[in-house]
Each structure stands twice: as structure tokens, then as C-alpha cells.
Amino acid sequence: MDPLTERDIRTSFVNCSKGDAKRLPVPRDLDDRPWDELDFLGWTDPSFPGRGYIVVPRDGELVGVAMRFEQQGSGKTQMCTICLTTHTRGGIALMTANKVGDAGRAGNAVGTYMCIDLQCSLYARGKKKPALGSRYREDLEPEEKAERVRENLGAFVDRLYA
């Protein structure tokens, strides 16, 4: 993924108002992110627990998505549907996002189970390990796992427009 600026991030959001996109907190460590190892930028809002954001490169454009989730997640071991990493004790949550356009303004949303820290790219590449969970042993190369992250995330983003 190419490095992003605050302006890139704020103008990418598709499921919230321009005012909301202007007010949301952007990560302060953009210069320190491992951009070569990221398939998307993901972060949570430290001032508003239960809010998360992703910015995904999609068909030559950036798509920003504002999401909500239960802070504690489940106490059970669960698997992220994006990177297939398992976490215990609340490391996975159902991330819900309003749909784009009139459907979203009417309250329609879609959801998927994701790593609460939104670091799926690093888990898939083996650069980050879950605290008490695991990754299933697979005969895939890290780039094949990263491609699966992009495909799974793309399917989630597609549902925002459906």
C-alpha cells in the first residue's frame, strides 16, 4: 500500500458525512506505518471506544469506512473473517458499517468479524502474533495470505454498495 496523508484519509470516507470525516481522529503515526506490509490502513478511535476505521485501496481509489463494534468482543475464541487469525478473550469483534448512500442513511448496515486492532495485514504476513490466539498452519506463502486479506476485505467493501 502507498503511504497516505491525512487529506487522503479524510476524503476517502464513503459511509459517513463530510463533517464526520473531518472530525474523526486520524492516526498520528502515519510516517511510521509499515506501508509495504499493509493491504489497508486500519485504526481505532482512542477517544471514542467502539469506533474503528479502515481505508482500502480499491480500483485505483481509496475507500474509507467508518465502523462500530462492541469494545469487549466475545469471551470465546473466534476467527477473523479477513485474515483468518484466531483470537481469544475479545480480540475479535463484529465490525458493522453503514451502507453507502440512502440505504446507509436509512440505517442499513453490514458487518463482518475482524481483529479488533485492525492489523490483519500484519497477522497474515506473520509480522504480528495474536496474544493468545493462533494462525492455522497453511501451505500458503505470505503474499498468498495477503491476497486473501485483500479479497476478503474487498468482499466486505462491496457489500457496502449492494
N, C-alpha and C. Protein backbone atom coordinates (compact mmCIF):
# COMPACT_ATOMS: atom_id res chain seq x y z
N MET A 1 0.84 -1.17 0.00
CA MET A 1 0.00 0.00 0.00
C MET A 1 0.89 1.23 0.00
N ASP A 2 0.48 2.26 -0.75
CA ASP A 2 1.22 3.51 -0.77
C ASP A 2 0.93 4.30 0.50
N PRO A 3 1.91 5.07 0.98
CA PRO A 3 1.67 5.90 2.17
C PRO A 3 0.52 6.88 1.93
N LEU A 4 -0.24 7.14 2.98
CA LEU A 4 -1.38 8.04 2.90
C LEU A 4 -1.14 9.29 3.73
N THR A 5 -1.77 10.38 3.29
CA THR A 5 -1.74 11.61 4.05
C THR A 5 -3.07 11.77 4.78
N GLU A 6 -3.11 12.70 5.71
CA GLU A 6 -4.36 12.98 6.41
C GLU A 6 -5.45 13.38 5.42
N ARG A 7 -5.10 14.17 4.43
CA ARG A 7 -6.09 14.59 3.42
C ARG A 7 -6.61 13.38 2.63
N ASP A 8 -5.71 12.49 2.21
CA ASP A 8 -6.13 11.26 1.51
C ASP A 8 -7.16 10.51 2.33
N ILE A 9 -6.88 10.38 3.62
CA ILE A 9 -7.74 9.61 4.50
C ILE A 9 -9.10 10.27 4.65
N ARG A 10 -9.11 11.55 4.96
CA ARG A 10 -10.38 12.25 5.22
C ARG A 10 -11.29 12.30 3.99
N THR A 11 -10.72 12.41 2.81
CA THR A 11 -11.54 12.49 1.60
C THR A 11 -11.99 11.12 1.09
N SER A 12 -11.51 10.04 1.70
CA SER A 12 -11.83 8.70 1.20
C SER A 12 -13.13 8.12 1.75
N PHE A 13 -13.67 8.68 2.82
CA PHE A 13 -14.80 8.03 3.51
C PHE A 13 -16.07 8.08 2.68
N VAL A 14 -16.71 6.90 2.58
CA VAL A 14 -17.90 6.75 1.73
C VAL A 14 -19.18 6.53 2.52
N ASN A 15 -19.08 6.23 3.81
CA ASN A 15 -20.30 5.89 4.57
C ASN A 15 -20.51 6.80 5.78
N CYS A 16 -19.99 7.99 5.72
CA CYS A 16 -20.27 8.99 6.75
C CYS A 16 -20.27 10.36 6.08
N SER A 17 -20.77 11.34 6.79
CA SER A 17 -20.84 12.69 6.22
C SER A 17 -19.44 13.30 6.11
N LYS A 18 -19.31 14.33 5.30
CA LYS A 18 -18.03 15.02 5.18
C LYS A 18 -17.64 15.64 6.52
N GLY A 19 -18.63 16.11 7.26
CA GLY A 19 -18.36 16.67 8.59
C GLY A 19 -17.82 15.63 9.55
N ASP A 20 -18.41 14.44 9.51
CA ASP A 20 -17.91 13.35 10.36
C ASP A 20 -16.49 12.96 9.96
N ALA A 21 -16.24 12.89 8.65
CA ALA A 21 -14.90 12.54 8.18
C ALA A 21 -13.88 13.61 8.58
N LYS A 22 -14.31 14.84 8.63
CA LYS A 22 -13.42 15.94 9.02
C LYS A 22 -13.06 15.88 10.50
N ARG A 23 -13.99 15.37 11.32
CA ARG A 23 -13.79 15.34 12.77
C ARG A 23 -13.14 14.06 13.29
N LEU A 24 -13.15 12.98 12.53
CA LEU A 24 -12.64 11.73 13.06
C LEU A 24 -11.13 11.81 13.27
N PRO A 25 -10.63 11.08 14.27
CA PRO A 25 -9.20 11.14 14.56
C PRO A 25 -8.40 10.33 13.54
N VAL A 26 -7.39 10.94 12.99
CA VAL A 26 -6.50 10.26 12.04
C VAL A 26 -5.26 9.83 12.81
N PRO A 27 -4.72 8.65 12.53
CA PRO A 27 -3.52 8.21 13.25
C PRO A 27 -2.40 9.24 13.14
N ARG A 28 -1.72 9.46 14.26
CA ARG A 28 -0.63 10.44 14.29
C ARG A 28 0.69 9.84 13.80
N ASP A 29 0.73 8.52 13.67
CA ASP A 29 1.98 7.85 13.31
C ASP A 29 2.03 7.42 11.85
N LEU A 30 1.43 8.19 10.96
CA LEU A 30 1.38 7.79 9.55
C LEU A 30 2.78 7.59 8.96
N ASP A 31 3.74 8.40 9.36
CA ASP A 31 5.10 8.28 8.83
C ASP A 31 5.79 7.01 9.30
N ASP A 32 5.30 6.42 10.40
CA ASP A 32 5.95 5.24 10.97
C ASP A 32 5.27 3.93 10.60
N ARG A 33 4.21 3.99 9.83
CA ARG A 33 3.49 2.76 9.47
C ARG A 33 4.31 1.94 8.48
N PRO A 34 4.23 0.59 8.56
CA PRO A 34 4.96 -0.28 7.62
C PRO A 34 4.17 -0.42 6.31
N TRP A 35 4.12 0.65 5.53
CA TRP A 35 3.25 0.72 4.35
C TRP A 35 3.46 -0.44 3.38
N ASP A 36 4.69 -0.91 3.22
CA ASP A 36 4.96 -2.02 2.29
C ASP A 36 4.29 -3.32 2.73
N GLU A 37 3.92 -3.41 4.01
CA GLU A 37 3.32 -4.63 4.53
C GLU A 37 1.83 -4.47 4.81
N LEU A 38 1.24 -3.36 4.42
CA LEU A 38 -0.18 -3.12 4.67
C LEU A 38 -1.00 -3.27 3.40
N ASP A 39 -2.12 -3.93 3.54
CA ASP A 39 -3.09 -4.03 2.44
C ASP A 39 -4.18 -2.99 2.61
N PHE A 40 -4.30 -2.48 3.81
CA PHE A 40 -5.24 -1.40 4.13
C PHE A 40 -4.76 -0.73 5.41
N LEU A 41 -5.23 0.48 5.63
CA LEU A 41 -4.92 1.19 6.86
C LEU A 41 -6.10 1.01 7.79
N GLY A 42 -5.84 0.54 9.00
CA GLY A 42 -6.91 0.34 9.98
C GLY A 42 -6.50 0.89 11.33
N TRP A 43 -7.45 1.54 12.02
CA TRP A 43 -7.16 2.06 13.36
C TRP A 43 -8.47 2.23 14.12
N THR A 44 -8.33 2.28 15.44
CA THR A 44 -9.49 2.51 16.30
C THR A 44 -9.38 3.91 16.90
N ASP A 45 -10.52 4.39 17.39
CA ASP A 45 -10.61 5.74 17.94
C ASP A 45 -10.34 5.68 19.45
N PRO A 46 -9.20 6.19 19.90
CA PRO A 46 -8.89 6.12 21.33
C PRO A 46 -9.83 6.98 22.19
N SER A 47 -10.45 8.00 21.60
CA SER A 47 -11.33 8.87 22.37
C SER A 47 -12.79 8.44 22.34
N PHE A 48 -13.11 7.46 21.49
CA PHE A 48 -14.49 7.00 21.36
C PHE A 48 -14.47 5.48 21.22
N PRO A 49 -14.38 4.74 22.34
CA PRO A 49 -14.30 3.28 22.28
C PRO A 49 -15.44 2.69 21.45
N GLY A 50 -15.09 1.69 20.68
CA GLY A 50 -16.09 1.04 19.84
C GLY A 50 -16.21 1.64 18.45
N ARG A 51 -15.27 2.49 18.08
CA ARG A 51 -15.24 3.06 16.73
C ARG A 51 -13.94 2.65 16.07
N GLY A 52 -14.04 2.21 14.83
CA GLY A 52 -12.86 1.84 14.06
C GLY A 52 -13.00 2.34 12.64
N TYR A 53 -11.87 2.42 11.96
CA TYR A 53 -11.85 2.98 10.61
C TYR A 53 -10.88 2.18 9.76
N ILE A 54 -11.22 1.99 8.51
CA ILE A 54 -10.31 1.38 7.56
C ILE A 54 -10.31 2.23 6.30
N VAL A 55 -9.16 2.25 5.63
CA VAL A 55 -9.03 2.88 4.32
C VAL A 55 -8.41 1.82 3.42
N VAL A 56 -9.14 1.49 2.35
CA VAL A 56 -8.80 0.38 1.48
C VAL A 56 -8.54 0.89 0.06
N PRO A 57 -7.39 0.56 -0.55
CA PRO A 57 -7.23 0.87 -1.96
C PRO A 57 -8.14 -0.03 -2.78
N ARG A 58 -8.92 0.55 -3.66
CA ARG A 58 -9.91 -0.23 -4.41
C ARG A 58 -10.08 0.35 -5.80
N ASP A 59 -9.73 -0.40 -6.82
CA ASP A 59 -9.89 0.03 -8.21
C ASP A 59 -9.28 1.41 -8.46
N GLY A 60 -8.08 1.64 -7.94
CA GLY A 60 -7.37 2.88 -8.17
C GLY A 60 -7.82 4.05 -7.30
N GLU A 61 -8.74 3.81 -6.40
CA GLU A 61 -9.22 4.86 -5.49
C GLU A 61 -9.11 4.36 -4.06
N LEU A 62 -9.27 5.27 -3.12
CA LEU A 62 -9.29 4.90 -1.72
C LEU A 62 -10.73 4.90 -1.23
N VAL A 63 -11.08 3.87 -0.46
CA VAL A 63 -12.41 3.77 0.13
C VAL A 63 -12.23 3.73 1.64
N GLY A 64 -12.72 4.76 2.32
CA GLY A 64 -12.68 4.83 3.76
C GLY A 64 -14.01 4.38 4.34
N VAL A 65 -13.96 3.58 5.40
CA VAL A 65 -15.17 3.02 6.01
C VAL A 65 -15.12 3.25 7.51
N ALA A 66 -16.16 3.89 8.02
CA ALA A 66 -16.32 4.07 9.47
C ALA A 66 -17.11 2.88 10.00
N MET A 67 -16.64 2.29 11.10
CA MET A 67 -17.27 1.10 11.65
C MET A 67 -17.51 1.26 13.15
N ARG A 68 -18.44 0.44 13.66
CA ARG A 68 -18.73 0.37 15.09
C ARG A 68 -18.53 -1.08 15.54
N PHE A 69 -18.19 -1.23 16.84
CA PHE A 69 -18.05 -2.59 17.38
C PHE A 69 -18.18 -2.53 18.89
N GLU A 70 -18.52 -3.68 19.47
CA GLU A 70 -18.56 -3.82 20.92
C GLU A 70 -17.13 -3.93 21.41
N GLN A 71 -16.74 -3.08 22.31
CA GLN A 71 -15.36 -2.99 22.78
C GLN A 71 -14.83 -4.30 23.34
N GLN A 72 -15.61 -5.01 24.12
CA GLN A 72 -15.12 -6.24 24.75
C GLN A 72 -15.06 -7.41 23.77
N GLY A 73 -15.85 -7.40 22.74
CA GLY A 73 -15.92 -8.56 21.88
C GLY A 73 -16.47 -9.75 22.66
N SER A 74 -16.28 -10.92 22.17
CA SER A 74 -16.76 -12.12 22.84
C SER A 74 -15.65 -12.70 23.71
N GLY A 75 -16.01 -13.40 24.75
CA GLY A 75 -15.03 -14.08 25.59
C GLY A 75 -14.56 -15.37 24.96
N LYS A 76 -15.18 -15.77 23.87
CA LYS A 76 -14.84 -17.03 23.20
C LYS A 76 -13.73 -16.82 22.18
N THR A 77 -13.05 -17.90 21.86
CA THR A 77 -12.08 -17.85 20.77
C THR A 77 -12.85 -17.71 19.47
N GLN A 78 -12.45 -16.74 18.65
CA GLN A 78 -13.12 -16.51 17.38
C GLN A 78 -12.07 -16.27 16.29
N MET A 79 -12.52 -16.39 15.04
CA MET A 79 -11.62 -16.20 13.90
C MET A 79 -12.03 -14.97 13.11
N CYS A 80 -11.05 -14.20 12.73
CA CYS A 80 -11.26 -13.04 11.86
C CYS A 80 -11.61 -13.54 10.47
N THR A 81 -12.66 -12.97 9.87
CA THR A 81 -13.05 -13.39 8.53
C THR A 81 -12.19 -12.74 7.46
N ILE A 82 -11.35 -11.81 7.83
CA ILE A 82 -10.48 -11.14 6.86
C ILE A 82 -9.14 -11.84 6.74
N CYS A 83 -8.46 -12.09 7.86
CA CYS A 83 -7.11 -12.69 7.81
C CYS A 83 -7.04 -14.13 8.32
N LEU A 84 -8.16 -14.63 8.86
CA LEU A 84 -8.25 -16.00 9.39
C LEU A 84 -7.34 -16.23 10.59
N THR A 85 -7.11 -15.21 11.38
CA THR A 85 -6.38 -15.33 12.64
C THR A 85 -7.40 -15.55 13.75
N THR A 86 -7.08 -16.44 14.68
CA THR A 86 -7.96 -16.64 15.82
C THR A 86 -7.43 -15.85 17.01
N HIS A 87 -8.35 -15.28 17.77
CA HIS A 87 -8.02 -14.54 18.98
C HIS A 87 -8.91 -15.05 20.09
N THR A 88 -8.41 -14.99 21.30
CA THR A 88 -9.21 -15.32 22.46
C THR A 88 -9.51 -14.04 23.23
N ARG A 89 -10.45 -14.14 24.14
CA ARG A 89 -10.77 -13.07 25.09
C ARG A 89 -10.97 -11.70 24.44
N GLY A 90 -11.83 -11.64 23.45
CA GLY A 90 -12.22 -10.35 22.91
C GLY A 90 -11.32 -9.76 21.86
N GLY A 91 -10.49 -10.52 21.22
CA GLY A 91 -9.62 -9.99 20.17
C GLY A 91 -10.32 -9.86 18.83
N ILE A 92 -11.54 -10.40 18.73
CA ILE A 92 -12.35 -10.32 17.52
C ILE A 92 -13.66 -9.66 17.88
N ALA A 93 -14.17 -8.84 16.96
CA ALA A 93 -15.47 -8.20 17.19
C ALA A 93 -16.23 -8.14 15.87
N LEU A 94 -17.53 -8.08 15.99
CA LEU A 94 -18.37 -7.86 14.81
C LEU A 94 -18.27 -6.38 14.48
N MET A 95 -17.62 -6.07 13.37
CA MET A 95 -17.49 -4.69 12.90
C MET A 95 -18.66 -4.41 11.98
N THR A 96 -19.46 -3.41 12.32
CA THR A 96 -20.59 -3.05 11.47
C THR A 96 -20.35 -1.68 10.86
N ALA A 97 -20.78 -1.54 9.63
CA ALA A 97 -20.61 -0.28 8.90
C ALA A 97 -21.90 0.04 8.18
N ASN A 98 -22.30 1.30 8.26
CA ASN A 98 -23.47 1.74 7.50
C ASN A 98 -23.19 1.58 6.02
N LYS A 99 -24.22 1.22 5.27
CA LYS A 99 -24.09 1.11 3.83
C LYS A 99 -23.90 2.51 3.24
N VAL A 100 -23.50 2.56 2.00
CA VAL A 100 -23.26 3.81 1.29
C VAL A 100 -24.59 4.38 0.79
N GLY A 101 -24.74 5.69 0.85
CA GLY A 101 -25.88 6.38 0.25
C GLY A 101 -27.15 6.31 1.07
N ASP A 102 -28.29 6.31 0.36
CA ASP A 102 -29.60 6.34 1.01
C ASP A 102 -29.82 5.15 1.93
N ALA A 103 -29.33 3.98 1.54
CA ALA A 103 -29.50 2.79 2.37
C ALA A 103 -28.83 2.98 3.74
N GLY A 104 -27.64 3.55 3.74
CA GLY A 104 -26.94 3.80 5.00
C GLY A 104 -27.61 4.87 5.84
N ARG A 105 -28.10 5.91 5.17
CA ARG A 105 -28.80 6.96 5.90
C ARG A 105 -30.10 6.44 6.50
N ALA A 106 -30.66 5.39 5.91
CA ALA A 106 -31.88 4.76 6.44
C ALA A 106 -31.57 3.78 7.56
N GLY A 107 -30.29 3.59 7.88
CA GLY A 107 -29.90 2.73 8.98
C GLY A 107 -29.48 1.33 8.58
N ASN A 108 -29.39 1.03 7.30
CA ASN A 108 -28.96 -0.29 6.86
C ASN A 108 -27.44 -0.42 6.99
N ALA A 109 -27.01 -1.54 7.49
CA ALA A 109 -25.58 -1.76 7.75
C ALA A 109 -25.20 -3.19 7.38
N VAL A 110 -23.91 -3.39 7.23
CA VAL A 110 -23.36 -4.73 7.01
C VAL A 110 -22.28 -4.95 8.07
N GLY A 111 -21.93 -6.19 8.29
CA GLY A 111 -20.92 -6.47 9.30
C GLY A 111 -20.07 -7.67 8.94
N THR A 112 -18.93 -7.74 9.60
CA THR A 112 -18.03 -8.88 9.46
C THR A 112 -17.20 -8.97 10.73
N TYR A 113 -16.76 -10.16 11.07
CA TYR A 113 -15.91 -10.36 12.25
C TYR A 113 -14.46 -10.06 11.87
N MET A 114 -13.86 -9.13 12.62
CA MET A 114 -12.49 -8.71 12.33
C MET A 114 -11.67 -8.62 13.61
N CYS A 115 -10.36 -8.63 13.44
CA CYS A 115 -9.44 -8.37 14.55
C CYS A 115 -9.74 -6.97 15.08
N ILE A 116 -9.90 -6.84 16.39
CA ILE A 116 -10.23 -5.54 16.98
C ILE A 116 -9.13 -4.51 16.71
N ASP A 117 -7.88 -4.93 16.64
CA ASP A 117 -6.80 -3.97 16.41
C ASP A 117 -6.64 -3.60 14.93
N LEU A 118 -7.40 -4.27 14.06
CA LEU A 118 -7.41 -3.98 12.61
C LEU A 118 -6.02 -4.12 11.97
N GLN A 119 -5.25 -5.08 12.45
CA GLN A 119 -3.90 -5.31 11.94
C GLN A 119 -3.82 -6.60 11.11
N CYS A 120 -4.87 -6.91 10.40
CA CYS A 120 -4.98 -8.15 9.63
C CYS A 120 -3.81 -8.35 8.66
N SER A 121 -3.35 -7.28 8.02
CA SER A 121 -2.23 -7.40 7.07
C SER A 121 -0.99 -7.96 7.75
N LEU A 122 -0.72 -7.50 8.97
CA LEU A 122 0.47 -7.95 9.68
C LEU A 122 0.31 -9.37 10.20
N TYR A 123 -0.89 -9.74 10.63
CA TYR A 123 -1.14 -11.13 11.05
C TYR A 123 -0.96 -12.08 9.87
N ALA A 124 -1.50 -11.71 8.71
CA ALA A 124 -1.41 -12.59 7.54
C ALA A 124 0.03 -12.81 7.11
N ARG A 125 0.85 -11.81 7.26
CA ARG A 125 2.25 -11.90 6.85
C ARG A 125 3.15 -12.47 7.94
N GLY A 126 2.59 -12.77 9.11
CA GLY A 126 3.39 -13.30 10.21
C GLY A 126 4.23 -12.26 10.90
N LYS A 127 3.96 -10.98 10.69
CA LYS A 127 4.70 -9.88 11.31
C LYS A 127 4.18 -9.56 12.70
N LYS A 128 2.97 -10.03 13.00
CA LYS A 128 2.37 -9.81 14.30
C LYS A 128 1.69 -11.11 14.71
N LYS A 129 1.80 -11.45 15.97
CA LYS A 129 1.21 -12.68 16.50
C LYS A 129 0.09 -12.30 17.47
N PRO A 130 -1.03 -13.02 17.45
CA PRO A 130 -2.09 -12.74 18.43
C PRO A 130 -1.61 -13.13 19.83
N ALA A 131 -2.09 -12.40 20.83
CA ALA A 131 -1.66 -12.62 22.21
C ALA A 131 -1.87 -14.07 22.65
N LEU A 132 -3.08 -14.57 22.55
CA LEU A 132 -3.36 -15.95 22.98
C LEU A 132 -3.98 -16.80 21.88
N GLY A 133 -4.22 -16.24 20.75
CA GLY A 133 -4.82 -16.98 19.65
C GLY A 133 -3.74 -17.61 18.79
N SER A 134 -4.09 -17.90 17.55
CA SER A 134 -3.12 -18.52 16.66
C SER A 134 -3.52 -18.32 15.21
N ARG A 135 -2.63 -18.71 14.34
CA ARG A 135 -2.93 -18.77 12.92
C ARG A 135 -2.90 -20.24 12.56
N TYR A 136 -3.85 -20.68 11.78
CA TYR A 136 -3.84 -22.07 11.35
C TYR A 136 -2.68 -22.29 10.40
N ARG A 137 -2.09 -23.44 10.53
CA ARG A 137 -0.97 -23.78 9.65
C ARG A 137 -1.52 -23.98 8.25
N GLU A 138 -0.92 -23.28 7.31
CA GLU A 138 -1.34 -23.36 5.92
C GLU A 138 -0.11 -23.49 5.04
N ASP A 139 -0.31 -24.07 3.88
CA ASP A 139 0.78 -24.18 2.91
C ASP A 139 0.74 -23.03 1.91
N LEU A 140 0.43 -21.85 2.40
CA LEU A 140 0.40 -20.66 1.55
C LEU A 140 1.56 -19.76 1.88
N GLU A 141 2.08 -19.10 0.89
CA GLU A 141 3.12 -18.10 1.09
C GLU A 141 2.49 -16.84 1.68
N PRO A 142 3.27 -16.02 2.38
CA PRO A 142 2.72 -14.79 2.96
C PRO A 142 2.00 -13.91 1.94
N GLU A 143 2.51 -13.83 0.72
CA GLU A 143 1.83 -12.99 -0.28
C GLU A 143 0.48 -13.58 -0.69
N GLU A 144 0.36 -14.89 -0.68
CA GLU A 144 -0.94 -15.52 -0.97
C GLU A 144 -1.93 -15.23 0.16
N LYS A 145 -1.45 -15.22 1.40
CA LYS A 145 -2.31 -14.87 2.53
C LYS A 145 -2.71 -13.40 2.45
N ALA A 146 -1.77 -12.55 2.03
CA ALA A 146 -2.08 -11.12 1.88
C ALA A 146 -3.11 -10.92 0.77
N GLU A 147 -3.00 -11.69 -0.28
CA GLU A 147 -4.00 -11.60 -1.37
C GLU A 147 -5.38 -11.99 -0.85
N ARG A 148 -5.43 -12.99 0.00
CA ARG A 148 -6.71 -13.39 0.59
C ARG A 148 -7.27 -12.28 1.48
N VAL A 149 -6.42 -11.59 2.22
CA VAL A 149 -6.86 -10.44 3.01
C VAL A 149 -7.51 -9.40 2.09
N ARG A 150 -6.85 -9.10 0.98
CA ARG A 150 -7.39 -8.11 0.04
C ARG A 150 -8.73 -8.56 -0.54
N GLU A 151 -8.83 -9.85 -0.88
CA GLU A 151 -10.09 -10.38 -1.43
C GLU A 151 -11.21 -10.34 -0.39
N ASN A 152 -10.93 -10.78 0.82
CA ASN A 152 -11.96 -10.80 1.87
C ASN A 152 -12.40 -9.38 2.23
N LEU A 153 -11.45 -8.47 2.32
CA LEU A 153 -11.79 -7.09 2.63
C LEU A 153 -12.56 -6.46 1.47
N GLY A 154 -12.17 -6.80 0.26
CA GLY A 154 -12.89 -6.30 -0.92
C GLY A 154 -14.33 -6.76 -0.93
N ALA A 155 -14.58 -8.00 -0.54
CA ALA A 155 -15.96 -8.52 -0.47
C ALA A 155 -16.77 -7.76 0.55
N PHE A 156 -16.16 -7.42 1.68
CA PHE A 156 -16.85 -6.64 2.71
C PHE A 156 -17.19 -5.25 2.17
N VAL A 157 -16.24 -4.59 1.54
CA VAL A 157 -16.47 -3.25 0.99
C VAL A 157 -17.54 -3.31 -0.10
N ASP A 158 -17.53 -4.34 -0.93
CA ASP A 158 -18.56 -4.48 -1.98
C ASP A 158 -19.96 -4.51 -1.38
N ARG A 159 -20.10 -5.14 -0.22
CA ARG A 159 -21.42 -5.24 0.41
C ARG A 159 -21.93 -3.88 0.87
N LEU A 160 -21.05 -2.91 1.07
CA LEU A 160 -21.48 -1.57 1.45
C LEU A 160 -22.25 -0.88 0.32
N TYR A 161 -21.97 -1.29 -0.89
CA TYR A 161 -22.60 -0.67 -2.07
C TYR A 161 -23.81 -1.45 -2.56
N ALA A 162 -23.99 -2.66 -2.09
CA ALA A 162 -25.07 -3.54 -2.59
C ALA A 162 -26.43 -3.12 -2.05
